[in-house]
């Protein structure tokens, strides 16, 4: 269940919820407000109203707006990392691995909750705690891709990390561009186009111990 779904499920006002359920409800409401308004324009009043709670209840769970934003960021950075790792582990066929990884980024940006905006399009990137989390998930996704490249090609860790950073960066930038173009190209076709581009590049590095893929 997504944070937005959790909010909808727990929306009735005046209902006493277990602490975890209330926290999830507040995170869902905060996500809706932050995605719609951005961090700077959002107010704790807006989030409390969206969640159907009083401000004191909101502050019992999150001392301030930044704490709430960082909790959401942690949640959605982890979701992206899990999606990338799952895609990489889904097959041993490298061409299918590339496709699965590209599609993971497309699925991430297409999620109706718009959580990717908090990670990749935040208006708070000058805040060190935010920048640290975004840099961390970008690095960890690249590191996951790097492990596969290094194992299969025999390239050094540094060389593999450069290639992995390129693939991860390509995936997230193109996926966001696709979304902002109102999905003028069907997702399956867009993923295939990007996969073809990425695979033509990465396939140029022979498998470790062989001369050809």
Protein backbone atom coordinates (compact mmCIF):
# COMPACT_ATOMS: atom_id res chain seq x y z
CA UNK A 1 0.00 0.00 0.00
CA UNK A 2 1.41 3.39 -0.99
CA UNK A 3 1.54 6.41 1.30
CA UNK A 4 -1.30 8.00 -0.68
CA UNK A 5 -3.46 4.87 -0.32
CA UNK A 6 -2.67 4.79 3.38
CA UNK A 7 -3.89 8.36 3.68
CA UNK A 8 -7.14 7.59 1.89
CA UNK A 9 -7.72 4.49 4.00
CA UNK A 10 -7.22 6.45 7.21
CA UNK A 11 -8.94 9.67 6.15
CA UNK A 12 -12.00 9.73 8.48
CA UNK A 13 -11.64 12.55 10.97
CA UNK A 14 -11.72 11.96 14.69
CA UNK A 15 -10.66 8.32 14.39
CA UNK A 16 -8.07 7.17 16.89
CA UNK A 17 -5.41 5.21 15.03
CA UNK A 18 -2.46 3.12 16.22
CA UNK A 19 0.74 5.15 16.14
CA UNK A 20 2.18 3.45 13.05
CA UNK A 21 -1.07 3.83 11.11
CA UNK A 22 -1.29 7.49 12.10
CA UNK A 23 2.30 8.09 11.02
CA UNK A 24 1.60 6.48 7.65
CA UNK A 25 -1.52 8.60 7.27
CA UNK A 26 0.43 11.77 7.98
CA UNK A 27 3.18 10.79 5.54
CA UNK A 28 0.57 10.19 2.85
CA UNK A 29 -1.01 13.59 3.45
CA UNK A 30 2.39 15.28 3.49
CA UNK A 31 3.34 13.64 0.20
CA UNK A 32 0.21 14.98 -1.46
CA UNK A 33 0.91 18.50 -0.21
CA UNK A 34 4.65 18.53 -0.91
CA UNK A 35 4.21 17.15 -4.43
CA UNK A 36 1.47 19.65 -5.23
CA UNK A 37 3.00 22.73 -3.61
CA UNK A 38 6.71 22.10 -3.15
CA UNK A 39 8.48 22.25 0.17
CA UNK A 40 8.67 26.01 0.56
CA UNK A 41 5.01 26.69 -0.21
CA UNK A 42 3.68 23.83 1.88
CA UNK A 43 2.58 24.54 5.45
CA UNK A 44 2.08 22.22 8.38
CA UNK A 45 -1.48 23.60 8.58
CA UNK A 46 -2.10 22.33 5.05
CA UNK A 47 -0.75 18.89 5.90
CA UNK A 48 -2.74 18.60 9.12
CA UNK A 49 -5.90 19.65 7.31
CA UNK A 50 -5.24 17.20 4.48
CA UNK A 51 -4.77 14.40 7.02
CA UNK A 52 -7.83 15.42 8.98
CA UNK A 53 -5.93 15.93 12.24
CA UNK A 54 -5.04 18.83 14.49
CA UNK A 55 -1.59 20.42 14.31
CA UNK A 56 -0.67 19.13 17.80
CA UNK A 57 -1.28 15.58 16.54
CA UNK A 58 0.96 16.24 13.55
CA UNK A 59 3.70 17.66 15.77
CA UNK A 60 3.50 14.64 18.08
CA UNK A 61 4.84 12.56 15.19
CA UNK A 62 7.06 15.07 13.38
CA UNK A 63 8.69 17.99 15.24
CA UNK A 64 8.85 20.14 12.10
CA UNK A 65 8.26 20.36 8.37
CA UNK A 66 11.81 19.33 7.51
CA UNK A 67 11.55 16.20 9.68
CA UNK A 68 8.40 15.26 7.80
CA UNK A 69 10.01 15.88 4.42
CA UNK A 70 13.10 13.86 5.31
CA UNK A 71 10.98 10.94 6.50
CA UNK A 72 9.24 10.92 3.13
CA UNK A 73 12.53 11.23 1.30
CA UNK A 74 13.97 8.27 3.21
CA UNK A 75 10.92 6.20 2.32
CA UNK A 76 10.97 6.98 -1.39
CA UNK A 77 14.72 6.77 -1.83
CA UNK A 78 14.53 3.28 -0.36
CA UNK A 79 11.70 2.41 -2.77
CA UNK A 80 13.83 3.38 -5.75
CA UNK A 81 16.82 1.41 -4.52
CA UNK A 82 14.69 -1.68 -3.92
CA UNK A 83 13.18 -1.35 -7.41
CA UNK A 84 16.61 -1.15 -9.06
CA UNK A 85 18.00 -4.09 -7.06
CA UNK A 86 14.90 -6.14 -7.83
CA UNK A 87 15.25 -5.40 -11.55
CA UNK A 88 18.90 -6.42 -11.57
CA UNK A 89 18.12 -9.67 -9.75
CA UNK A 90 15.14 -10.52 -11.94
CA UNK A 91 17.15 -12.30 -14.64
CA UNK A 92 20.64 -13.45 -15.56
CA UNK A 93 20.18 -12.31 -19.16
CA UNK A 94 22.03 -9.00 -19.36
CA UNK A 95 19.93 -7.49 -22.14
CA UNK A 96 16.81 -8.23 -20.10
CA UNK A 97 18.54 -6.84 -17.02
CA UNK A 98 19.09 -3.54 -18.83
CA UNK A 99 15.44 -3.43 -19.86
CA UNK A 100 14.20 -4.29 -16.37
CA UNK A 101 16.37 -1.56 -14.86
CA UNK A 102 15.24 1.05 -17.37
CA UNK A 103 11.63 0.07 -16.73
CA UNK A 104 12.14 0.35 -12.97
CA UNK A 105 12.93 4.04 -13.38
CA UNK A 106 9.94 4.57 -15.66
CA UNK A 107 7.66 2.84 -13.16
CA UNK A 108 9.10 4.98 -10.38
CA UNK A 109 8.40 8.29 -12.09
CA UNK A 110 5.00 7.13 -13.33
CA UNK A 111 3.72 6.29 -9.86
CA UNK A 112 0.58 8.36 -9.37
CA UNK A 113 1.74 9.71 -6.02
CA UNK A 114 4.48 11.71 -7.74
CA UNK A 115 7.04 10.77 -5.07
CA UNK A 116 9.89 10.97 -7.58
CA UNK A 117 9.49 14.76 -7.51
CA UNK A 118 10.62 14.78 -3.89
CA UNK A 119 13.78 12.90 -4.88
CA UNK A 120 14.73 14.25 -8.30
CA UNK A 121 12.89 17.58 -8.54
CA UNK A 122 12.95 18.88 -4.99
CA UNK A 123 12.96 22.63 -4.35
CA UNK A 124 15.04 21.93 -1.25
CA UNK A 125 18.25 20.57 -2.76
CA UNK A 126 20.25 23.34 -1.08
CA UNK A 127 19.41 21.72 2.28
CA UNK A 128 22.39 19.47 3.19
CA UNK A 129 20.23 16.70 4.65
CA UNK A 130 18.18 16.53 1.46
CA UNK A 131 21.20 16.68 -0.83
CA UNK A 132 22.87 13.94 1.19
CA UNK A 133 19.92 11.58 0.76
CA UNK A 134 19.54 12.23 -2.96
CA UNK A 135 23.27 11.76 -3.54
CA UNK A 136 23.20 8.60 -1.43
CA UNK A 137 20.40 6.90 -3.35
CA UNK A 138 21.96 7.93 -6.68
CA UNK A 139 25.24 6.39 -5.55
CA UNK A 140 23.64 3.23 -4.17
CA UNK A 141 21.64 2.63 -7.36
CA UNK A 142 24.81 3.09 -9.41
CA UNK A 143 26.69 0.80 -7.03
CA UNK A 144 24.09 -1.95 -7.52
CA UNK A 145 24.46 -1.65 -11.29
CA UNK A 146 28.24 -1.44 -10.93
CA UNK A 147 28.41 -4.81 -9.15
CA UNK A 148 26.79 -6.54 -12.13
CA UNK A 149 29.01 -4.76 -14.66
CA UNK A 150 32.21 -5.49 -12.76
CA UNK A 151 31.30 -9.15 -12.26
CA UNK A 152 30.36 -9.71 -15.90
CA UNK A 153 33.04 -7.68 -17.66
CA UNK A 154 36.06 -7.85 -15.39
CA UNK A 155 36.41 -4.07 -15.56
CA UNK A 156 37.79 -2.36 -12.48
CA UNK A 157 35.46 -1.05 -9.79
CA UNK A 158 36.19 2.53 -10.83
CA UNK A 159 35.53 1.82 -14.52
CA UNK A 160 32.36 -0.11 -13.74
CA UNK A 161 31.11 2.66 -11.47
CA UNK A 162 31.49 5.22 -14.25
CA UNK A 163 29.45 3.08 -16.62
CA UNK A 164 26.87 2.36 -13.92
CA UNK A 165 26.50 6.05 -13.09
CA UNK A 166 25.95 6.73 -16.77
CA UNK A 167 23.25 4.07 -17.06
CA UNK A 168 21.46 5.18 -13.91
CA UNK A 169 21.62 8.83 -14.86
CA UNK A 170 20.39 8.08 -18.36
CA UNK A 171 17.45 6.10 -17.01
CA UNK A 172 16.19 8.69 -14.54
CA UNK A 173 16.67 11.71 -16.81
CA UNK A 174 14.96 10.06 -19.79
CA UNK A 175 12.14 8.67 -17.64
CA UNK A 176 11.43 12.13 -16.24
CA UNK A 177 11.63 13.69 -19.71
CA UNK A 178 9.16 11.09 -20.96
CA UNK A 179 6.74 11.85 -18.14
CA UNK A 180 6.96 15.61 -18.67
CA UNK A 181 6.25 15.13 -22.39
CA UNK A 182 2.84 13.80 -21.34
CA UNK A 183 3.90 10.27 -22.24
CA UNK A 184 3.64 11.05 -25.93
CA UNK A 185 5.42 7.74 -26.58
CA UNK A 186 3.81 4.67 -24.97
CA UNK A 187 5.78 3.51 -21.94
CA UNK A 188 6.64 0.10 -23.36
CA UNK A 189 7.96 1.69 -26.54
CA UNK A 190 9.89 4.34 -24.60
CA UNK A 191 11.51 1.70 -22.41
CA UNK A 192 12.46 -0.33 -25.47
CA UNK A 193 14.02 2.69 -27.17
CA UNK A 194 16.08 3.51 -24.11
CA UNK A 195 17.02 -0.14 -23.63
CA UNK A 196 18.26 -0.33 -27.23
CA UNK A 197 20.40 2.76 -26.70
CA UNK A 198 21.86 1.54 -23.41
CA UNK A 199 22.38 -2.05 -24.56
CA UNK A 200 24.22 -1.01 -27.74
CA UNK A 201 26.69 0.76 -25.48
CA UNK A 202 27.14 -1.67 -22.62
CA UNK A 203 27.19 -4.71 -24.92
CA UNK A 204 30.44 -3.37 -26.37
CA UNK A 205 32.24 -4.59 -23.26
CA UNK A 206 32.85 -8.36 -23.62
CA UNK A 207 31.81 -10.72 -20.88
CA UNK A 208 34.65 -11.56 -18.50
CA UNK A 209 36.74 -14.40 -19.92
CA UNK A 210 35.19 -14.23 -23.41
CA UNK A 211 35.65 -12.17 -26.52
CA UNK A 212 31.97 -11.85 -27.38
CA UNK A 213 28.62 -11.50 -25.58
